[in-house]
Amino acid sequence: MRSVTYSMGISLDGYIVGPHNDFGWTAPDEEVSRFVTDEIRETGVHLLGRRLYETMLFWETAAQDPSLDASMLEWAALWKPLPKVVFSTTLSTVQGNARLASGGLAEEIERLRAEPAQGDIAIGGATLAAEAAALGLIDEYRARVYPVLVGGGIPFFPQHERRVDLELVETRTFGSRVVHLRYRVARQAVV
């Protein structure tokens, strides 16, 4: 069965975006960029909320931007054809290889898990991830922790007042002092 993953860059105090919608501190260096590119290679479909979808629209035409380096162009070449499902109550159309979700989050994930396709089901955006976490749908949390305290903003971890036990699967420290933490949700065996 395909895993549902939630992966983003976060501050040490747990935020993906700072108090003034600033996330420039998550700009990856070359080593982290290669890692993120390799991670997207393992993704079969990406689920996005409206805000993240609109932010990521840049990558639909990124190949035309002469200021991008080779690693950014490589990432864009992987991102653009990647199937995307956008969850929005305000958008009526989406661009590129994206479609609007036709059902609720649980129904979409159930449908995607049942497909014979390869690759993880990645979730992007804190609001959508919080909903998935509250429904117990996230299988892995992947955090790239940046050595900065931003003091507030949008948290990486959903605030849903229930305990979730995790198993550490992988760690990696990059030369830029960014630390990757990959945790799998510890599920109770059904007897």
Protein backbone atom coordinates (compact mmCIF):
# COMPACT_ATOMS: atom_id res chain seq x y z
CA MET A 1 0.00 0.00 0.00
CA ARG A 2 1.25 3.50 -0.82
CA SER A 3 2.50 5.58 2.12
CA VAL A 4 1.17 9.04 2.89
CA THR A 5 4.05 11.37 3.74
CA TYR A 6 4.24 14.91 5.08
CA SER A 7 7.59 16.55 4.35
CA MET A 8 8.60 20.18 4.77
CA GLY A 9 11.34 22.45 6.01
CA ILE A 10 10.71 23.67 9.55
CA SER A 11 12.31 25.97 12.09
CA LEU A 12 13.68 24.49 15.29
CA ASP A 13 10.65 25.91 17.11
CA GLY A 14 8.34 23.98 14.76
CA TYR A 15 7.10 26.42 12.12
CA ILE A 16 7.00 26.07 8.32
CA VAL A 17 6.26 29.77 7.83
CA GLY A 18 7.26 32.59 10.15
CA PRO A 19 4.94 35.20 11.70
CA HIS A 20 5.05 37.49 8.64
CA ASN A 21 4.56 34.72 6.05
CA ASP A 22 8.34 34.48 5.73
CA PHE A 23 9.87 31.16 4.75
CA GLY A 24 13.04 32.40 3.06
CA TRP A 25 15.08 30.70 5.78
CA THR A 26 14.09 27.34 4.21
CA ALA A 27 15.95 28.06 0.96
CA PRO A 28 18.01 24.90 0.49
CA ASP A 29 21.71 24.85 -0.24
CA GLU A 30 22.98 22.50 -2.97
CA GLU A 31 23.20 19.45 -0.68
CA VAL A 32 19.68 19.88 0.74
CA SER A 33 18.36 20.66 -2.72
CA ARG A 34 19.70 17.32 -4.04
CA PHE A 35 18.08 15.55 -1.09
CA VAL A 36 14.69 17.21 -1.73
CA THR A 37 14.98 16.37 -5.43
CA ASP A 38 15.64 12.72 -4.58
CA GLU A 39 12.62 12.77 -2.25
CA ILE A 40 10.34 14.07 -5.01
CA ARG A 41 11.52 11.20 -7.24
CA GLU A 42 9.85 8.81 -4.75
CA THR A 43 6.54 10.69 -4.95
CA GLY A 44 3.73 9.37 -7.13
CA VAL A 45 1.17 12.09 -6.42
CA HIS A 46 1.18 15.30 -4.39
CA LEU A 47 -1.83 16.59 -2.44
CA LEU A 48 -1.91 20.34 -1.91
CA GLY A 49 -4.11 22.93 -0.29
CA ARG A 50 -4.96 26.08 -2.22
CA ARG A 51 -2.26 28.31 -0.69
CA LEU A 52 0.57 25.87 -1.37
CA TYR A 53 -0.78 25.14 -4.84
CA GLU A 54 -0.73 28.85 -5.67
CA THR A 55 2.81 29.19 -4.27
CA MET A 56 3.99 26.22 -6.33
CA LEU A 57 2.51 27.53 -9.61
CA PHE A 58 5.87 29.23 -10.21
CA TRP A 59 7.35 25.81 -10.98
CA GLU A 60 4.95 25.25 -13.89
CA THR A 61 6.97 27.75 -15.96
CA ALA A 62 10.27 27.67 -14.05
CA ALA A 63 12.18 26.20 -17.00
CA GLN A 64 11.82 29.60 -18.68
CA ASP A 65 13.52 31.45 -15.80
CA PRO A 66 17.16 32.11 -16.74
CA SER A 67 18.12 32.83 -13.12
CA LEU A 68 17.55 29.23 -11.99
CA ASP A 69 20.54 26.94 -11.57
CA ALA A 70 20.76 23.36 -12.84
CA SER A 71 19.53 21.79 -9.59
CA MET A 72 16.42 24.00 -9.52
CA LEU A 73 15.70 23.19 -13.15
CA GLU A 74 16.05 19.48 -12.39
CA TRP A 75 13.57 19.80 -9.52
CA ALA A 76 11.16 21.74 -11.74
CA ALA A 77 11.43 19.04 -14.43
CA LEU A 78 10.34 16.44 -11.85
CA TRP A 79 7.64 18.62 -10.24
CA LYS A 80 5.85 19.79 -13.39
CA PRO A 81 4.68 16.35 -14.67
CA LEU A 82 3.99 15.02 -11.15
CA PRO A 83 0.25 14.40 -10.67
CA LYS A 84 -1.23 16.83 -8.15
CA VAL A 85 -4.58 16.90 -6.37
CA VAL A 86 -5.66 20.34 -5.12
CA PHE A 87 -8.09 20.74 -2.24
CA SER A 88 -9.90 24.05 -2.45
CA THR A 89 -13.36 25.44 -1.93
CA THR A 90 -12.53 28.67 -3.79
CA LEU A 91 -10.75 27.52 -6.97
CA SER A 92 -12.80 26.37 -9.95
CA THR A 93 -9.86 25.41 -12.19
CA VAL A 94 -6.22 24.40 -11.76
CA GLN A 95 -3.26 24.35 -14.14
CA GLY A 96 -0.67 21.86 -15.28
CA ASN A 97 -0.85 18.22 -14.23
CA ALA A 98 -3.25 19.04 -11.40
CA ARG A 99 -6.89 18.31 -10.74
CA LEU A 100 -9.30 19.57 -8.13
CA ALA A 101 -10.20 17.00 -5.49
CA SER A 102 -13.55 15.45 -6.23
CA GLY A 103 -14.13 14.18 -2.69
CA GLY A 104 -12.98 14.68 0.83
CA LEU A 105 -9.40 14.08 1.90
CA ALA A 106 -10.04 10.61 3.34
CA GLU A 107 -11.87 9.52 0.18
CA GLU A 108 -9.13 10.85 -2.10
CA ILE A 109 -6.39 9.12 -0.11
CA GLU A 110 -8.37 5.87 -0.04
CA ARG A 111 -8.82 6.06 -3.82
CA LEU A 112 -5.12 6.84 -4.41
CA ARG A 113 -3.99 4.03 -2.12
CA ALA A 114 -6.18 1.58 -4.06
CA GLU A 115 -4.63 2.54 -7.40
CA PRO A 116 -1.84 0.32 -8.74
CA ALA A 117 0.42 3.39 -9.16
CA GLN A 118 3.93 3.67 -7.72
CA GLY A 119 5.36 6.25 -5.34
CA ASP A 120 4.34 7.91 -2.12
CA ILE A 121 1.28 10.08 -1.65
CA ALA A 122 2.81 13.33 -0.45
CA ILE A 123 0.86 15.98 1.42
CA GLY A 124 1.93 19.60 1.26
CA GLY A 125 0.62 22.43 3.36
CA ALA A 126 -0.01 22.63 7.07
CA THR A 127 -3.81 22.91 6.93
CA LEU A 128 -4.23 19.88 4.70
CA ALA A 129 -1.65 17.92 6.71
CA ALA A 130 -3.46 18.80 9.96
CA GLU A 131 -6.69 17.37 8.54
CA ALA A 132 -4.90 14.22 7.38
CA ALA A 133 -3.20 13.84 10.78
CA ALA A 134 -6.50 14.26 12.65
CA LEU A 135 -7.95 11.47 10.49
CA GLY A 136 -4.92 9.25 11.19
CA LEU A 137 -3.94 9.17 7.51
CA ILE A 138 -0.27 10.23 7.68
CA ASP A 139 2.19 7.34 7.64
CA GLU A 140 5.44 9.34 7.78
CA TYR A 141 6.55 12.76 8.99
CA ARG A 142 9.68 14.06 7.29
CA ALA A 143 11.08 17.26 8.74
CA ARG A 144 14.11 19.18 7.54
CA VAL A 145 14.89 21.18 10.66
CA TYR A 146 16.63 24.51 10.01
CA PRO A 147 18.79 26.06 12.74
CA VAL A 148 16.56 29.07 13.31
CA LEU A 149 13.86 30.10 15.78
CA VAL A 150 11.16 32.17 14.06
CA GLY A 151 8.94 32.76 17.09
CA GLY A 152 5.56 31.93 15.58
CA GLY A 153 3.67 31.45 12.35
CA ILE A 154 2.22 28.30 10.81
CA PRO A 155 3.20 25.16 12.73
CA PHE A 156 4.45 22.00 11.01
CA PHE A 157 2.75 19.72 13.50
CA PRO A 158 -1.02 19.85 13.69
CA GLN A 159 -2.55 20.82 17.00
CA HIS A 160 -5.10 18.05 17.41
CA GLU A 161 -4.79 17.04 21.07
CA ARG A 162 -4.11 13.39 20.54
CA ARG A 163 -0.97 11.41 21.03
CA VAL A 164 0.78 9.89 18.02
CA ASP A 165 3.67 7.51 18.68
CA LEU A 166 6.46 7.63 16.13
CA GLU A 167 9.38 5.40 15.17
CA LEU A 168 12.60 7.05 14.01
CA VAL A 169 13.43 5.69 10.54
CA GLU A 170 16.23 7.96 9.34
CA THR A 171 18.33 10.97 10.31
CA ARG A 172 20.81 13.00 8.35
CA THR A 173 22.75 16.14 9.15
CA PHE A 174 23.72 18.34 6.22
CA GLY A 175 26.77 20.58 6.00
CA SER A 176 24.47 23.61 6.37
CA ARG A 177 23.46 22.31 9.83
CA VAL A 178 19.99 21.37 8.58
CA VAL A 179 18.88 18.08 10.14
CA HIS A 180 16.54 15.68 8.36
CA LEU A 181 14.29 13.60 10.63
CA ARG A 182 12.10 10.87 9.18
CA TYR A 183 9.55 9.26 11.47
CA ARG A 184 7.03 6.54 10.73
CA VAL A 185 3.73 6.52 12.61
CA ALA A 186 3.75 3.55 15.00
CA ARG A 187 0.49 1.75 14.29
CA GLN A 188 -0.92 -0.81 16.66
CA ALA A 189 -1.13 -4.26 15.11
CA VAL A 190 -4.69 -5.42 14.51
CA VAL A 191 -5.24 -8.84 16.09
